[in-house]
Amino acid sequence: MKISARNILKGKVVSIVKGATTAHVRLDVNGAIITASITNEAVDELGLSVGKEAAAVIKASDVMVAVA
């Protein structure tokens, strides 16, 4: 599969919380936790489960970072 996203972060799924239609998938990327909101259908189609290797694909024209 060819995609134009430039930021692909590989990690391991640490939790999946399904809601009515959307799931929050938490991915551990070298100690940093990334949370993605994807459809429940996508979780099932991708075969995601806790402990499985996965990748976060980030595609955005603007990303903002704030320092606290």
N, C-alpha and C. Protein backbone atom coordinates (compact mmCIF):
# COMPACT_ATOMS: atom_id res chain seq x y z
N MET A 1 0.84 -1.17 0.00
CA MET A 1 0.00 0.00 0.00
C MET A 1 0.89 1.23 0.00
N LYS A 2 0.65 2.14 -0.92
CA LYS A 2 1.42 3.38 -0.98
C LYS A 2 0.58 4.51 -0.39
N ILE A 3 1.21 5.26 0.53
CA ILE A 3 0.54 6.39 1.14
C ILE A 3 1.46 7.60 1.10
N SER A 4 0.88 8.79 1.22
CA SER A 4 1.69 10.00 1.16
C SER A 4 2.07 10.53 2.54
N ALA A 5 1.57 9.90 3.59
CA ALA A 5 1.92 10.36 4.94
C ALA A 5 3.41 10.18 5.18
N ARG A 6 4.03 11.13 5.83
CA ARG A 6 5.46 11.10 6.07
C ARG A 6 5.83 10.61 7.46
N ASN A 7 4.88 10.60 8.36
CA ASN A 7 5.16 10.23 9.74
C ASN A 7 4.50 8.90 10.08
N ILE A 8 5.31 7.86 10.16
CA ILE A 8 4.83 6.53 10.50
C ILE A 8 5.60 6.09 11.74
N LEU A 9 4.88 5.87 12.84
CA LEU A 9 5.49 5.54 14.11
C LEU A 9 5.10 4.11 14.50
N LYS A 10 6.09 3.23 14.59
CA LYS A 10 5.83 1.83 14.91
C LYS A 10 5.83 1.63 16.42
N GLY A 11 4.92 0.80 16.90
CA GLY A 11 4.84 0.53 18.32
C GLY A 11 4.00 -0.69 18.60
N LYS A 12 3.50 -0.76 19.84
CA LYS A 12 2.70 -1.90 20.28
C LYS A 12 1.40 -1.39 20.89
N VAL A 13 0.30 -2.06 20.56
CA VAL A 13 -1.01 -1.69 21.09
C VAL A 13 -1.05 -2.02 22.58
N VAL A 14 -1.38 -1.01 23.40
CA VAL A 14 -1.46 -1.23 24.85
C VAL A 14 -2.89 -1.24 25.36
N SER A 15 -3.82 -0.64 24.62
CA SER A 15 -5.22 -0.73 25.01
C SER A 15 -6.12 -0.35 23.85
N ILE A 16 -7.32 -0.92 23.88
CA ILE A 16 -8.36 -0.59 22.91
C ILE A 16 -9.65 -0.44 23.69
N VAL A 17 -10.27 0.74 23.59
CA VAL A 17 -11.54 0.98 24.26
C VAL A 17 -12.56 1.33 23.18
N LYS A 18 -13.51 0.42 22.98
CA LYS A 18 -14.54 0.64 21.97
C LYS A 18 -15.73 1.37 22.57
N GLY A 19 -16.22 2.34 21.81
CA GLY A 19 -17.44 3.05 22.17
C GLY A 19 -18.56 2.57 21.26
N ALA A 20 -19.59 3.39 21.12
CA ALA A 20 -20.72 3.02 20.28
C ALA A 20 -20.31 2.84 18.82
N THR A 21 -19.46 3.74 18.32
CA THR A 21 -19.01 3.66 16.92
C THR A 21 -17.51 3.82 16.76
N THR A 22 -16.89 4.48 17.74
CA THR A 22 -15.47 4.84 17.64
C THR A 22 -14.68 4.17 18.76
N ALA A 23 -13.46 3.76 18.42
CA ALA A 23 -12.56 3.16 19.41
C ALA A 23 -11.37 4.07 19.64
N HIS A 24 -10.86 4.07 20.86
CA HIS A 24 -9.61 4.75 21.18
C HIS A 24 -8.55 3.68 21.32
N VAL A 25 -7.57 3.74 20.45
CA VAL A 25 -6.48 2.77 20.43
C VAL A 25 -5.22 3.45 20.92
N ARG A 26 -4.62 2.90 21.99
CA ARG A 26 -3.39 3.48 22.56
C ARG A 26 -2.22 2.63 22.11
N LEU A 27 -1.20 3.31 21.58
CA LEU A 27 -0.02 2.66 21.02
C LEU A 27 1.21 3.16 21.76
N ASP A 28 2.03 2.24 22.25
CA ASP A 28 3.29 2.59 22.92
C ASP A 28 4.38 2.65 21.86
N VAL A 29 4.92 3.86 21.65
CA VAL A 29 5.99 4.08 20.68
C VAL A 29 7.23 4.49 21.46
N ASN A 30 8.08 3.53 21.75
CA ASN A 30 9.32 3.80 22.51
C ASN A 30 9.06 4.54 23.82
N GLY A 31 8.02 4.16 24.54
CA GLY A 31 7.72 4.77 25.82
C GLY A 31 6.74 5.93 25.76
N ALA A 32 6.50 6.47 24.58
CA ALA A 32 5.50 7.53 24.41
C ALA A 32 4.18 6.88 23.99
N ILE A 33 3.08 7.33 24.58
CA ILE A 33 1.78 6.78 24.25
C ILE A 33 1.07 7.70 23.26
N ILE A 34 0.62 7.10 22.16
CA ILE A 34 -0.14 7.83 21.14
C ILE A 34 -1.54 7.23 21.14
N THR A 35 -2.55 8.09 21.15
CA THR A 35 -3.94 7.62 21.12
C THR A 35 -4.57 8.00 19.79
N ALA A 36 -5.16 7.01 19.16
CA ALA A 36 -5.84 7.24 17.88
C ALA A 36 -7.33 6.96 18.06
N SER A 37 -8.16 7.77 17.44
CA SER A 37 -9.59 7.52 17.40
C SER A 37 -9.92 7.00 16.02
N ILE A 38 -10.34 5.75 15.96
CA ILE A 38 -10.70 5.13 14.69
C ILE A 38 -12.02 4.40 14.88
N THR A 39 -12.66 4.02 13.80
CA THR A 39 -13.94 3.33 13.92
C THR A 39 -13.74 1.92 14.47
N ASN A 40 -14.78 1.42 15.13
CA ASN A 40 -14.76 0.04 15.61
C ASN A 40 -14.54 -0.92 14.45
N GLU A 41 -15.14 -0.60 13.32
CA GLU A 41 -14.99 -1.42 12.12
C GLU A 41 -13.53 -1.51 11.69
N ALA A 42 -12.81 -0.37 11.76
CA ALA A 42 -11.39 -0.36 11.39
C ALA A 42 -10.57 -1.22 12.34
N VAL A 43 -10.89 -1.18 13.64
CA VAL A 43 -10.18 -2.02 14.61
C VAL A 43 -10.32 -3.49 14.21
N ASP A 44 -11.55 -3.89 13.87
CA ASP A 44 -11.80 -5.27 13.49
C ASP A 44 -11.13 -5.63 12.17
N GLU A 45 -11.24 -4.76 11.17
CA GLU A 45 -10.65 -5.03 9.86
C GLU A 45 -9.13 -5.12 9.92
N LEU A 46 -8.50 -4.30 10.79
CA LEU A 46 -7.05 -4.31 10.93
C LEU A 46 -6.57 -5.44 11.84
N GLY A 47 -7.50 -6.09 12.53
CA GLY A 47 -7.13 -7.17 13.43
C GLY A 47 -6.34 -6.69 14.63
N LEU A 48 -6.62 -5.47 15.08
CA LEU A 48 -5.88 -4.91 16.21
C LEU A 48 -6.26 -5.61 17.51
N SER A 49 -5.26 -5.85 18.34
CA SER A 49 -5.49 -6.41 19.67
C SER A 49 -4.33 -5.98 20.56
N VAL A 50 -4.57 -5.99 21.86
CA VAL A 50 -3.55 -5.59 22.83
C VAL A 50 -2.33 -6.51 22.69
N GLY A 51 -1.16 -5.89 22.64
CA GLY A 51 0.09 -6.63 22.51
C GLY A 51 0.57 -6.79 21.07
N LYS A 52 -0.29 -6.49 20.12
CA LYS A 52 0.07 -6.63 18.71
C LYS A 52 0.89 -5.42 18.24
N GLU A 53 1.86 -5.67 17.38
CA GLU A 53 2.63 -4.59 16.75
C GLU A 53 1.72 -3.86 15.77
N ALA A 54 1.84 -2.54 15.74
CA ALA A 54 1.04 -1.71 14.84
C ALA A 54 1.81 -0.44 14.54
N ALA A 55 1.28 0.37 13.66
CA ALA A 55 1.93 1.64 13.34
C ALA A 55 0.89 2.74 13.30
N ALA A 56 1.26 3.89 13.84
CA ALA A 56 0.43 5.08 13.75
C ALA A 56 0.88 5.85 12.51
N VAL A 57 -0.04 6.12 11.62
CA VAL A 57 0.26 6.87 10.41
C VAL A 57 -0.36 8.25 10.60
N ILE A 58 0.50 9.26 10.63
CA ILE A 58 0.04 10.62 10.90
C ILE A 58 0.14 11.44 9.63
N LYS A 59 -1.01 11.91 9.18
CA LYS A 59 -1.03 12.75 7.98
C LYS A 59 -1.80 14.02 8.32
N ALA A 60 -1.10 15.12 8.33
CA ALA A 60 -1.71 16.41 8.65
C ALA A 60 -0.94 17.51 7.97
N SER A 61 -1.64 18.54 7.57
CA SER A 61 -0.95 19.67 6.96
C SER A 61 -0.32 20.56 8.02
N ASP A 62 -0.89 20.55 9.24
CA ASP A 62 -0.36 21.35 10.34
C ASP A 62 -0.38 20.51 11.62
N VAL A 63 0.70 20.55 12.35
CA VAL A 63 0.77 19.91 13.66
C VAL A 63 1.27 20.95 14.63
N MET A 64 0.55 21.14 15.72
CA MET A 64 0.92 22.15 16.70
C MET A 64 1.47 21.47 17.95
N VAL A 65 2.49 22.02 18.50
CA VAL A 65 3.08 21.53 19.75
C VAL A 65 3.13 22.70 20.71
N ALA A 66 2.69 22.47 21.94
CA ALA A 66 2.72 23.52 22.95
C ALA A 66 3.62 23.08 24.08
N VAL A 67 4.35 24.00 24.65
CA VAL A 67 5.18 23.72 25.81
C VAL A 67 4.45 24.23 27.05
N ALA A 68 4.32 23.34 28.02
CA ALA A 68 3.59 23.72 29.24
C ALA A 68 4.50 24.39 30.23
